[in-house]
Amino acid sequence: MTQWFGQVTTNTMVQMIAGKRYCIGDAENDAESRRFGRAIKEFMYLSGVLVLSDVVPHIEWLDLQGHVRSMKRIAEELDFFVGSWLEEHIQSRQKGQKMKEECDFMDVMLSLFGEDGLAYEHKSEAIIKATALNLISAGSDTSAVTLTWALSLLLNHKKVLKCAQEELDIHVGRERWVEELDIKNLAYLQA
């Protein structure tokens, strides 16, 4: 379940940021999806690993564990993905293909920076790519962990799960999905 939550949250974040779907099992994007998923997973691992040179700065030049080399490789790979998404957005804007309803985070950022491409003495593309990567990495893993904990708590407390299900059945029903407007009526779930 944890792996599935990770895929769902990463897919949701990428959809909101770049307007892309990265579904494992989609034949067209399967290889690219797996590559992106592995890169994100390795990025999360490397962001939490103990690097010896952080403890003993004098041996930094040795890179005994190979983590610094791995971090640079993953950074280049993620930069490639986000750079290609950004390039697609720039090209579609130049061709006038984007509709207002189809705007995602990258479209909004591109419209904020305008045509000159410079913002705060940095190239706007660098700022957009860094912000997009930060949002994906910060939003995916934390949301997946939160969902996993929430599900495990509900499964370990059957009475709470039953009360939440009854409240959903009464106020929303089984014919449709819960929407944001429904939340004000769901007192038990808000608690």
N, C-alpha and C. Protein backbone atom coordinates (compact mmCIF):
# COMPACT_ATOMS: atom_id res chain seq x y z
N MET A 1 0.83 -1.19 0.00
CA MET A 1 0.00 0.00 0.00
C MET A 1 0.87 1.26 0.00
N THR A 2 1.99 1.20 0.72
CA THR A 2 2.89 2.35 0.78
C THR A 2 3.42 2.71 -0.60
N GLN A 3 3.79 1.68 -1.36
CA GLN A 3 4.29 1.92 -2.72
C GLN A 3 3.21 2.54 -3.60
N TRP A 4 1.98 2.06 -3.47
CA TRP A 4 0.87 2.59 -4.26
C TRP A 4 0.60 4.05 -3.89
N PHE A 5 0.58 4.36 -2.58
CA PHE A 5 0.40 5.75 -2.16
C PHE A 5 1.52 6.63 -2.72
N GLY A 6 2.75 6.13 -2.72
CA GLY A 6 3.87 6.88 -3.28
C GLY A 6 3.67 7.19 -4.76
N GLN A 7 3.20 6.19 -5.51
CA GLN A 7 2.95 6.40 -6.93
C GLN A 7 1.81 7.39 -7.16
N VAL A 8 0.75 7.26 -6.38
CA VAL A 8 -0.41 8.15 -6.54
C VAL A 8 -0.04 9.59 -6.21
N THR A 9 0.66 9.80 -5.10
CA THR A 9 1.01 11.17 -4.72
C THR A 9 2.02 11.79 -5.68
N THR A 10 2.99 11.01 -6.13
CA THR A 10 3.95 11.53 -7.10
C THR A 10 3.25 11.87 -8.40
N ASN A 11 2.37 10.99 -8.84
CA ASN A 11 1.61 11.24 -10.07
C ASN A 11 0.76 12.50 -9.94
N THR A 12 0.13 12.68 -8.79
CA THR A 12 -0.70 13.87 -8.56
C THR A 12 0.14 15.14 -8.58
N MET A 13 1.29 15.10 -7.93
CA MET A 13 2.16 16.28 -7.90
C MET A 13 2.67 16.62 -9.31
N VAL A 14 3.08 15.61 -10.06
CA VAL A 14 3.58 15.86 -11.42
C VAL A 14 2.46 16.38 -12.30
N GLN A 15 1.25 15.87 -12.11
CA GLN A 15 0.10 16.34 -12.89
C GLN A 15 -0.18 17.82 -12.60
N MET A 16 -0.13 18.21 -11.33
CA MET A 16 -0.41 19.61 -10.98
C MET A 16 0.72 20.54 -11.42
N ILE A 17 1.94 20.06 -11.39
CA ILE A 17 3.08 20.91 -11.70
C ILE A 17 3.35 20.99 -13.20
N ALA A 18 3.34 19.84 -13.87
CA ALA A 18 3.75 19.81 -15.28
C ALA A 18 2.65 19.37 -16.23
N GLY A 19 1.49 18.99 -15.70
CA GLY A 19 0.42 18.53 -16.57
C GLY A 19 0.70 17.18 -17.20
N LYS A 20 1.58 16.40 -16.58
CA LYS A 20 1.97 15.08 -17.09
C LYS A 20 1.39 13.99 -16.20
N ARG A 21 1.11 12.85 -16.82
CA ARG A 21 0.70 11.68 -16.06
C ARG A 21 1.83 10.68 -16.09
N TYR A 22 2.22 10.22 -14.94
CA TYR A 22 3.23 9.18 -14.86
C TYR A 22 2.62 7.98 -14.18
N CYS A 23 1.92 7.19 -14.96
CA CYS A 23 1.26 5.99 -14.46
C CYS A 23 2.09 4.78 -14.81
N ILE A 24 2.42 4.00 -13.81
CA ILE A 24 3.10 2.74 -14.07
C ILE A 24 2.08 1.82 -14.73
N GLY A 25 2.48 1.22 -15.83
CA GLY A 25 1.58 0.33 -16.55
C GLY A 25 1.06 0.94 -17.84
N ASP A 26 1.27 2.23 -18.03
CA ASP A 26 0.89 2.88 -19.29
C ASP A 26 1.97 2.53 -20.31
N ALA A 27 1.59 1.79 -21.34
CA ALA A 27 2.56 1.25 -22.30
C ALA A 27 3.38 2.35 -22.96
N GLU A 28 2.76 3.47 -23.27
CA GLU A 28 3.45 4.54 -23.98
C GLU A 28 4.54 5.18 -23.13
N ASN A 29 4.25 5.42 -21.87
CA ASN A 29 5.19 6.12 -20.99
C ASN A 29 5.82 5.21 -19.95
N ASP A 30 5.70 3.89 -20.10
CA ASP A 30 6.12 2.97 -19.06
C ASP A 30 7.60 3.08 -18.73
N ALA A 31 8.46 3.06 -19.73
CA ALA A 31 9.91 3.13 -19.48
C ALA A 31 10.28 4.47 -18.85
N GLU A 32 9.72 5.53 -19.37
CA GLU A 32 10.00 6.86 -18.82
C GLU A 32 9.44 6.98 -17.40
N SER A 33 8.27 6.41 -17.16
CA SER A 33 7.65 6.45 -15.83
C SER A 33 8.51 5.71 -14.82
N ARG A 34 8.97 4.53 -15.20
CA ARG A 34 9.82 3.76 -14.29
C ARG A 34 11.12 4.50 -14.00
N ARG A 35 11.70 5.10 -15.03
CA ARG A 35 12.95 5.85 -14.86
C ARG A 35 12.74 7.03 -13.93
N PHE A 36 11.65 7.77 -14.13
CA PHE A 36 11.36 8.90 -13.26
C PHE A 36 11.08 8.43 -11.83
N GLY A 37 10.29 7.36 -11.69
CA GLY A 37 9.99 6.82 -10.37
C GLY A 37 11.24 6.37 -9.63
N ARG A 38 12.14 5.70 -10.34
CA ARG A 38 13.41 5.28 -9.72
C ARG A 38 14.24 6.49 -9.30
N ALA A 39 14.26 7.52 -10.15
CA ALA A 39 15.04 8.72 -9.83
C ALA A 39 14.49 9.41 -8.58
N ILE A 40 13.17 9.52 -8.49
CA ILE A 40 12.56 10.14 -7.30
C ILE A 40 12.84 9.30 -6.06
N LYS A 41 12.69 7.98 -6.19
CA LYS A 41 12.92 7.09 -5.05
C LYS A 41 14.37 7.18 -4.58
N GLU A 42 15.31 7.19 -5.53
CA GLU A 42 16.72 7.30 -5.16
C GLU A 42 17.03 8.68 -4.57
N PHE A 43 16.38 9.71 -5.09
CA PHE A 43 16.55 11.05 -4.54
C PHE A 43 16.11 11.08 -3.07
N MET A 44 14.96 10.48 -2.79
CA MET A 44 14.46 10.44 -1.40
C MET A 44 15.43 9.68 -0.50
N TYR A 45 15.95 8.57 -1.01
CA TYR A 45 16.91 7.80 -0.23
C TYR A 45 18.16 8.62 0.06
N LEU A 46 18.72 9.24 -0.99
CA LEU A 46 19.96 9.99 -0.84
C LEU A 46 19.79 11.24 0.02
N SER A 47 18.59 11.79 0.05
CA SER A 47 18.38 12.99 0.87
C SER A 47 18.38 12.66 2.36
N GLY A 48 18.21 11.40 2.71
CA GLY A 48 18.20 11.02 4.12
C GLY A 48 19.38 10.17 4.56
N VAL A 49 20.28 9.85 3.64
CA VAL A 49 21.39 8.96 3.97
C VAL A 49 22.49 9.73 4.71
N LEU A 50 23.20 9.03 5.58
CA LEU A 50 24.32 9.63 6.30
C LEU A 50 25.55 9.61 5.40
N VAL A 51 26.07 10.77 5.13
CA VAL A 51 27.28 10.90 4.30
C VAL A 51 28.44 11.16 5.25
N LEU A 52 29.45 10.31 5.19
CA LEU A 52 30.59 10.41 6.09
C LEU A 52 31.24 11.78 6.07
N SER A 53 31.33 12.39 4.90
CA SER A 53 31.99 13.69 4.80
C SER A 53 31.19 14.80 5.50
N ASP A 54 29.92 14.56 5.79
CA ASP A 54 29.16 15.53 6.59
C ASP A 54 29.61 15.50 8.04
N VAL A 55 30.07 14.34 8.49
CA VAL A 55 30.53 14.18 9.87
C VAL A 55 32.01 14.56 9.98
N VAL A 56 32.79 14.12 9.00
CA VAL A 56 34.23 14.41 8.98
C VAL A 56 34.52 15.16 7.68
N PRO A 57 34.43 16.49 7.70
CA PRO A 57 34.57 17.29 6.47
C PRO A 57 35.91 17.14 5.76
N HIS A 58 36.95 16.74 6.47
CA HIS A 58 38.28 16.65 5.87
C HIS A 58 38.38 15.54 4.82
N ILE A 59 37.47 14.58 4.84
CA ILE A 59 37.52 13.47 3.87
C ILE A 59 36.53 13.66 2.73
N GLU A 60 36.00 14.86 2.60
CA GLU A 60 35.00 15.12 1.56
C GLU A 60 35.51 14.79 0.16
N TRP A 61 36.75 15.09 -0.11
CA TRP A 61 37.31 14.87 -1.44
C TRP A 61 37.40 13.39 -1.81
N LEU A 62 37.32 12.49 -0.82
CA LEU A 62 37.42 11.06 -1.10
C LEU A 62 36.12 10.45 -1.61
N ASP A 63 34.99 10.94 -1.15
CA ASP A 63 33.67 10.38 -1.49
C ASP A 63 33.68 8.86 -1.31
N LEU A 64 34.03 8.44 -0.09
CA LEU A 64 34.22 7.02 0.21
C LEU A 64 32.98 6.17 -0.09
N GLN A 65 31.82 6.67 0.19
CA GLN A 65 30.59 5.89 0.00
C GLN A 65 30.00 6.04 -1.40
N GLY A 66 30.48 6.99 -2.16
CA GLY A 66 29.96 7.21 -3.51
C GLY A 66 28.64 7.96 -3.53
N HIS A 67 28.22 8.48 -2.38
CA HIS A 67 26.93 9.18 -2.32
C HIS A 67 26.94 10.50 -3.07
N VAL A 68 28.04 11.22 -3.00
CA VAL A 68 28.12 12.51 -3.69
C VAL A 68 28.01 12.29 -5.20
N ARG A 69 28.69 11.29 -5.72
CA ARG A 69 28.60 10.96 -7.14
C ARG A 69 27.17 10.58 -7.51
N SER A 70 26.52 9.78 -6.66
CA SER A 70 25.13 9.39 -6.91
C SER A 70 24.20 10.60 -6.88
N MET A 71 24.44 11.51 -5.94
CA MET A 71 23.61 12.71 -5.85
C MET A 71 23.72 13.56 -7.11
N LYS A 72 24.93 13.70 -7.62
CA LYS A 72 25.13 14.47 -8.85
C LYS A 72 24.44 13.81 -10.03
N ARG A 73 24.52 12.48 -10.12
CA ARG A 73 23.88 11.75 -11.21
C ARG A 73 22.37 11.90 -11.15
N ILE A 74 21.79 11.76 -9.96
CA ILE A 74 20.34 11.89 -9.81
C ILE A 74 19.90 13.32 -10.08
N ALA A 75 20.70 14.29 -9.64
CA ALA A 75 20.36 15.69 -9.90
C ALA A 75 20.31 15.96 -11.40
N GLU A 76 21.25 15.41 -12.14
CA GLU A 76 21.25 15.58 -13.60
C GLU A 76 20.04 14.91 -14.24
N GLU A 77 19.70 13.72 -13.74
CA GLU A 77 18.56 12.99 -14.31
C GLU A 77 17.24 13.73 -14.04
N LEU A 78 17.05 14.19 -12.82
CA LEU A 78 15.83 14.94 -12.49
C LEU A 78 15.79 16.27 -13.24
N ASP A 79 16.95 16.90 -13.39
CA ASP A 79 17.02 18.14 -14.16
C ASP A 79 16.62 17.90 -15.61
N PHE A 80 17.00 16.75 -16.16
CA PHE A 80 16.62 16.40 -17.53
C PHE A 80 15.10 16.30 -17.64
N PHE A 81 14.46 15.58 -16.69
CA PHE A 81 13.01 15.43 -16.74
C PHE A 81 12.30 16.78 -16.66
N VAL A 82 12.64 17.55 -15.64
CA VAL A 82 11.96 18.83 -15.44
C VAL A 82 12.28 19.79 -16.57
N GLY A 83 13.51 19.75 -17.07
CA GLY A 83 13.88 20.59 -18.20
C GLY A 83 13.08 20.26 -19.45
N SER A 84 12.84 18.98 -19.70
CA SER A 84 12.05 18.60 -20.88
C SER A 84 10.59 19.02 -20.72
N TRP A 85 10.05 18.92 -19.50
CA TRP A 85 8.67 19.38 -19.26
C TRP A 85 8.58 20.88 -19.51
N LEU A 86 9.57 21.61 -19.00
CA LEU A 86 9.56 23.07 -19.15
C LEU A 86 9.69 23.45 -20.62
N GLU A 87 10.55 22.77 -21.34
CA GLU A 87 10.72 23.04 -22.77
C GLU A 87 9.41 22.79 -23.53
N GLU A 88 8.70 21.72 -23.18
CA GLU A 88 7.39 21.45 -23.81
C GLU A 88 6.42 22.60 -23.54
N HIS A 89 6.43 23.11 -22.30
CA HIS A 89 5.54 24.22 -21.95
C HIS A 89 5.89 25.48 -22.72
N ILE A 90 7.18 25.76 -22.84
CA ILE A 90 7.62 26.95 -23.57
C ILE A 90 7.21 26.85 -25.03
N GLN A 91 7.41 25.69 -25.63
CA GLN A 91 7.05 25.50 -27.04
C GLN A 91 5.54 25.60 -27.25
N SER A 92 4.76 25.01 -26.35
CA SER A 92 3.30 25.09 -26.52
C SER A 92 2.79 26.51 -26.31
N ARG A 93 3.46 27.29 -25.44
CA ARG A 93 3.08 28.70 -25.27
C ARG A 93 3.40 29.50 -26.52
N GLN A 94 4.54 29.22 -27.13
CA GLN A 94 4.93 29.93 -28.34
C GLN A 94 3.98 29.62 -29.50
N LYS A 95 3.47 28.41 -29.53
CA LYS A 95 2.53 28.01 -30.58
C LYS A 95 1.10 28.42 -30.25
N GLY A 96 0.88 28.87 -29.01
CA GLY A 96 -0.46 29.28 -28.59
C GLY A 96 -1.41 28.11 -28.39
N GLN A 97 -0.88 26.95 -28.00
CA GLN A 97 -1.70 25.76 -27.86
C GLN A 97 -2.38 25.63 -26.50
N LYS A 98 -1.90 26.31 -25.49
CA LYS A 98 -2.45 26.16 -24.14
C LYS A 98 -3.71 26.98 -23.97
N MET A 99 -4.73 26.36 -23.41
CA MET A 99 -5.96 27.05 -23.05
C MET A 99 -5.86 27.45 -21.58
N LYS A 100 -6.61 28.46 -21.18
CA LYS A 100 -6.59 28.91 -19.78
C LYS A 100 -6.98 27.79 -18.82
N GLU A 101 -7.92 26.93 -19.23
CA GLU A 101 -8.38 25.85 -18.35
C GLU A 101 -7.31 24.79 -18.15
N GLU A 102 -6.34 24.72 -19.04
CA GLU A 102 -5.32 23.68 -19.00
C GLU A 102 -4.07 24.12 -18.24
N CYS A 103 -4.08 25.27 -17.61
CA CYS A 103 -2.88 25.79 -16.96
C CYS A 103 -2.48 24.92 -15.77
N ASP A 104 -1.19 24.68 -15.67
CA ASP A 104 -0.62 24.01 -14.51
C ASP A 104 0.41 24.95 -13.88
N PHE A 105 1.16 24.45 -12.91
CA PHE A 105 2.11 25.28 -12.18
C PHE A 105 3.16 25.90 -13.10
N MET A 106 3.69 25.11 -14.02
CA MET A 106 4.72 25.63 -14.93
C MET A 106 4.17 26.74 -15.82
N ASP A 107 2.93 26.61 -16.27
CA ASP A 107 2.31 27.67 -17.07
C ASP A 107 2.18 28.95 -16.27
N VAL A 108 1.76 28.82 -15.02
CA VAL A 108 1.60 30.00 -14.16
C VAL A 108 2.95 30.67 -13.93
N MET A 109 3.97 29.87 -13.64
CA MET A 109 5.30 30.44 -13.41
C MET A 109 5.84 31.13 -14.68
N LEU A 110 5.64 30.51 -15.82
CA LEU A 110 6.10 31.13 -17.08
C LEU A 110 5.38 32.45 -17.33
N SER A 111 4.10 32.51 -17.02
CA SER A 111 3.37 33.76 -17.24
C SER A 111 3.81 34.84 -16.25
N LEU A 112 4.21 34.45 -15.05
CA LEU A 112 4.68 35.43 -14.06
C LEU A 112 6.02 36.04 -14.45
N PHE A 113 6.90 35.23 -15.02
CA PHE A 113 8.23 35.72 -15.37
C PHE A 113 8.25 36.51 -16.67
N GLY A 114 7.26 36.34 -17.50
CA GLY A 114 7.18 37.12 -18.73
C GLY A 114 8.16 36.67 -19.79
N GLU A 115 8.39 37.55 -20.73
CA GLU A 115 9.17 37.21 -21.92
C GLU A 115 10.67 37.39 -21.76
N ASP A 116 11.12 38.23 -20.82
CA ASP A 116 12.55 38.52 -20.75
C ASP A 116 13.38 37.35 -20.23
N GLY A 117 12.78 36.46 -19.46
CA GLY A 117 13.48 35.26 -19.01
C GLY A 117 14.41 35.47 -17.84
N LEU A 118 14.46 36.67 -17.27
CA LEU A 118 15.31 36.91 -16.12
C LEU A 118 14.46 37.31 -14.93
N ALA A 119 14.83 36.78 -13.79
CA ALA A 119 14.14 37.12 -12.56
C ALA A 119 15.15 37.08 -11.42
N TYR A 120 15.28 38.18 -10.72
CA TYR A 120 16.18 38.26 -9.58
C TYR A 120 17.60 37.80 -9.95
N GLU A 121 18.09 38.24 -11.10
CA GLU A 121 19.43 37.96 -11.60
C GLU A 121 19.66 36.48 -11.91
N HIS A 122 18.61 35.69 -11.97
CA HIS A 122 18.71 34.29 -12.35
C HIS A 122 17.82 34.07 -13.56
N LYS A 123 18.16 33.07 -14.33
CA LYS A 123 17.29 32.72 -15.45
C LYS A 123 15.99 32.16 -14.88
N SER A 124 14.89 32.60 -15.44
CA SER A 124 13.59 32.13 -14.94
C SER A 124 13.45 30.62 -15.08
N GLU A 125 14.07 30.03 -16.10
CA GLU A 125 13.98 28.58 -16.28
C GLU A 125 14.60 27.85 -15.09
N ALA A 126 15.72 28.35 -14.59
CA ALA A 126 16.38 27.72 -13.44
C ALA A 126 15.50 27.81 -12.20
N ILE A 127 14.85 28.95 -12.01
CA ILE A 127 13.97 29.13 -10.85
C ILE A 127 12.77 28.20 -10.96
N ILE A 128 12.18 28.10 -12.14
CA ILE A 128 11.00 27.25 -12.33
C ILE A 128 11.36 25.79 -12.12
N LYS A 129 12.49 25.35 -12.67
CA LYS A 129 12.90 23.95 -12.51
C LYS A 129 13.18 23.62 -11.05
N ALA A 130 13.89 24.51 -10.36
CA ALA A 130 14.22 24.27 -8.95
C ALA A 130 12.96 24.23 -8.09
N THR A 131 12.04 25.15 -8.35
CA THR A 131 10.79 25.18 -7.58
C THR A 131 9.95 23.94 -7.86
N ALA A 132 9.87 23.53 -9.11
CA ALA A 132 9.10 22.33 -9.46
C ALA A 132 9.67 21.09 -8.79
N LEU A 133 10.99 20.93 -8.83
CA LEU A 133 11.61 19.78 -8.17
C LEU A 133 11.40 19.81 -6.67
N ASN A 134 11.49 21.00 -6.09
CA ASN A 134 11.26 21.14 -4.65
C ASN A 134 9.83 20.74 -4.28
N LEU A 135 8.87 21.19 -5.06
CA LEU A 135 7.47 20.84 -4.79
C LEU A 135 7.21 19.35 -4.94
N ILE A 136 7.77 18.75 -5.98
CA ILE A 136 7.57 17.31 -6.19
C ILE A 136 8.18 16.51 -5.05
N SER A 137 9.41 16.83 -4.69
CA SER A 137 10.08 16.07 -3.64
C SER A 137 9.44 16.30 -2.27
N ALA A 138 9.03 17.52 -1.99
CA ALA A 138 8.43 17.81 -0.69
C ALA A 138 7.00 17.31 -0.58
N GLY A 139 6.26 17.37 -1.66
CA GLY A 139 4.85 17.00 -1.61
C GLY A 139 4.56 15.53 -1.77
N SER A 140 5.40 14.82 -2.48
CA SER A 140 5.12 13.42 -2.77
C SER A 140 5.33 12.52 -1.57
N ASP A 141 6.52 12.54 -1.03
CA ASP A 141 6.86 11.62 0.05
C ASP A 141 6.08 11.90 1.32
N THR A 142 5.96 13.17 1.69
CA THR A 142 5.24 13.50 2.93
C THR A 142 3.77 13.12 2.83
N SER A 143 3.16 13.34 1.68
CA SER A 143 1.75 12.98 1.51
C SER A 143 1.56 11.48 1.54
N ALA A 144 2.47 10.74 0.92
CA ALA A 144 2.38 9.27 0.91
C ALA A 144 2.51 8.71 2.32
N VAL A 145 3.43 9.25 3.10
CA VAL A 145 3.61 8.79 4.47
C VAL A 145 2.38 9.11 5.31
N THR A 146 1.82 10.31 5.14
CA THR A 146 0.62 10.70 5.88
C THR A 146 -0.55 9.79 5.54
N LEU A 147 -0.75 9.50 4.26
CA LEU A 147 -1.83 8.60 3.85
C LEU A 147 -1.63 7.19 4.42
N THR A 148 -0.40 6.71 4.43
CA THR A 148 -0.12 5.38 4.97
C THR A 148 -0.45 5.33 6.46
N TRP A 149 -0.04 6.35 7.20
CA TRP A 149 -0.34 6.40 8.63
C TRP A 149 -1.85 6.51 8.87
N ALA A 150 -2.53 7.34 8.11
CA ALA A 150 -3.97 7.49 8.29
C ALA A 150 -4.69 6.17 8.04
N LEU A 151 -4.31 5.48 6.99
CA LEU A 151 -4.94 4.19 6.68
C LEU A 151 -4.64 3.16 7.76
N SER A 152 -3.40 3.11 8.22
CA SER A 152 -3.06 2.13 9.26
C SER A 152 -3.80 2.43 10.56
N LEU A 153 -3.96 3.70 10.90
CA LEU A 153 -4.72 4.05 12.11
C LEU A 153 -6.18 3.67 11.97
N LEU A 154 -6.76 3.91 10.80
CA LEU A 154 -8.16 3.53 10.58
C LEU A 154 -8.34 2.02 10.64
N LEU A 155 -7.42 1.28 10.07
CA LEU A 155 -7.53 -0.18 10.08
C LEU A 155 -7.32 -0.76 11.47
N ASN A 156 -6.55 -0.07 12.30
CA ASN A 156 -6.33 -0.53 13.67
C ASN A 156 -7.42 -0.09 14.63
N HIS A 157 -8.29 0.81 14.21
CA HIS A 157 -9.40 1.29 15.04
C HIS A 157 -10.69 1.15 14.24
N LYS A 158 -11.26 -0.04 14.29
CA LYS A 158 -12.42 -0.39 13.47
C LYS A 158 -13.64 0.49 13.76
N LYS A 159 -13.84 0.88 15.03
CA LYS A 159 -15.00 1.72 15.37
C LYS A 159 -14.90 3.09 14.69
N VAL A 160 -13.72 3.65 14.70
CA VAL A 160 -13.50 4.95 14.07
C VAL A 160 -13.74 4.83 12.56
N LEU A 161 -13.24 3.76 11.96
CA LEU A 161 -13.44 3.54 10.53
C LEU A 161 -14.92 3.42 10.21
N LYS A 162 -15.66 2.68 11.04
CA LYS A 162 -17.09 2.50 10.80
C LYS A 162 -17.84 3.83 10.91
N CYS A 163 -17.51 4.64 11.92
CA CYS A 163 -18.16 5.95 12.06
C CYS A 163 -17.87 6.86 10.86
N ALA A 164 -16.63 6.84 10.39
CA ALA A 164 -16.27 7.65 9.22
C ALA A 164 -17.02 7.18 7.97
N GLN A 165 -17.13 5.87 7.80
CA GLN A 165 -17.86 5.32 6.65
C GLN A 165 -19.34 5.69 6.71
N GLU A 166 -19.94 5.60 7.90
CA GLU A 166 -21.36 5.95 8.05
C GLU A 166 -21.59 7.42 7.74
N GLU A 167 -20.71 8.29 8.22
CA GLU A 167 -20.84 9.72 7.95
C GLU A 167 -20.75 10.00 6.44
N LEU A 168 -19.82 9.34 5.77
CA LEU A 168 -19.70 9.50 4.32
C LEU A 168 -20.94 9.00 3.60
N ASP A 169 -21.48 7.87 4.04
CA ASP A 169 -22.69 7.33 3.40
C ASP A 169 -23.88 8.26 3.57
N ILE A 170 -24.00 8.88 4.75
CA ILE A 170 -25.13 9.77 5.03
C ILE A 170 -25.03 11.07 4.23
N HIS A 171 -23.87 11.71 4.27
CA HIS A 171 -23.72 13.05 3.68
C HIS A 171 -23.32 13.06 2.21
N VAL A 172 -22.64 12.02 1.75
CA VAL A 172 -22.16 11.99 0.37
C VAL A 172 -22.86 10.91 -0.44
N GLY A 173 -23.03 9.76 0.18
CA GLY A 173 -23.62 8.63 -0.53
C GLY A 173 -22.55 7.81 -1.23
N ARG A 174 -22.98 6.75 -1.87
CA ARG A 174 -22.04 5.86 -2.54
C ARG A 174 -22.01 6.06 -4.05
N GLU A 175 -22.84 6.97 -4.55
CA GLU A 175 -22.96 7.18 -5.99
C GLU A 175 -21.90 8.12 -6.55
N ARG A 176 -21.25 8.92 -5.71
CA ARG A 176 -20.29 9.90 -6.20
C ARG A 176 -19.09 10.00 -5.27
N TRP A 177 -18.06 10.70 -5.75
CA TRP A 177 -16.85 10.92 -4.97
C TRP A 177 -17.05 12.08 -3.99
N VAL A 178 -16.28 12.09 -2.93
CA VAL A 178 -16.29 13.21 -1.99
C VAL A 178 -15.67 14.41 -2.68
N GLU A 179 -16.30 15.57 -2.52
CA GLU A 179 -15.77 16.80 -3.10
C GLU A 179 -15.44 17.77 -1.99
N GLU A 180 -14.71 18.80 -2.33
CA GLU A 180 -14.28 19.77 -1.32
C GLU A 180 -15.47 20.43 -0.63
N LEU A 181 -16.54 20.65 -1.35
CA LEU A 181 -17.73 21.26 -0.76
C LEU A 181 -18.37 20.39 0.31
N ASP A 182 -18.12 19.08 0.27
CA ASP A 182 -18.70 18.15 1.24
C ASP A 182 -18.03 18.23 2.60
N ILE A 183 -16.83 18.72 2.66
CA ILE A 183 -16.04 18.66 3.89
C ILE A 183 -16.72 19.37 5.06
N LYS A 184 -17.39 20.48 4.79
CA LYS A 184 -18.04 21.22 5.89
C LYS A 184 -19.13 20.38 6.56
N ASN A 185 -19.69 19.40 5.86
CA ASN A 185 -20.73 18.54 6.43
C ASN A 185 -20.18 17.30 7.11
N LEU A 186 -18.89 17.08 7.02
CA LEU A 186 -18.28 15.86 7.56
C LEU A 186 -17.55 16.18 8.87
N ALA A 187 -18.32 16.37 9.92
CA ALA A 187 -17.76 16.77 11.22
C ALA A 187 -16.83 15.70 11.79
N TYR A 188 -17.19 14.44 11.65
CA TYR A 188 -16.37 13.36 12.22
C TYR A 188 -15.02 13.27 11.52
N LEU A 189 -15.01 13.42 10.23
CA LEU A 189 -13.75 13.34 9.49
C LEU A 189 -12.86 14.56 9.74
N GLN A 190 -13.45 15.68 10.09
CA GLN A 190 -12.66 16.88 10.37
C GLN A 190 -11.96 16.79 11.71
N ALA A 191 -12.48 16.01 12.62
CA ALA A 191 -11.94 15.93 13.99
C ALA A 191 -10.59 15.28 14.06
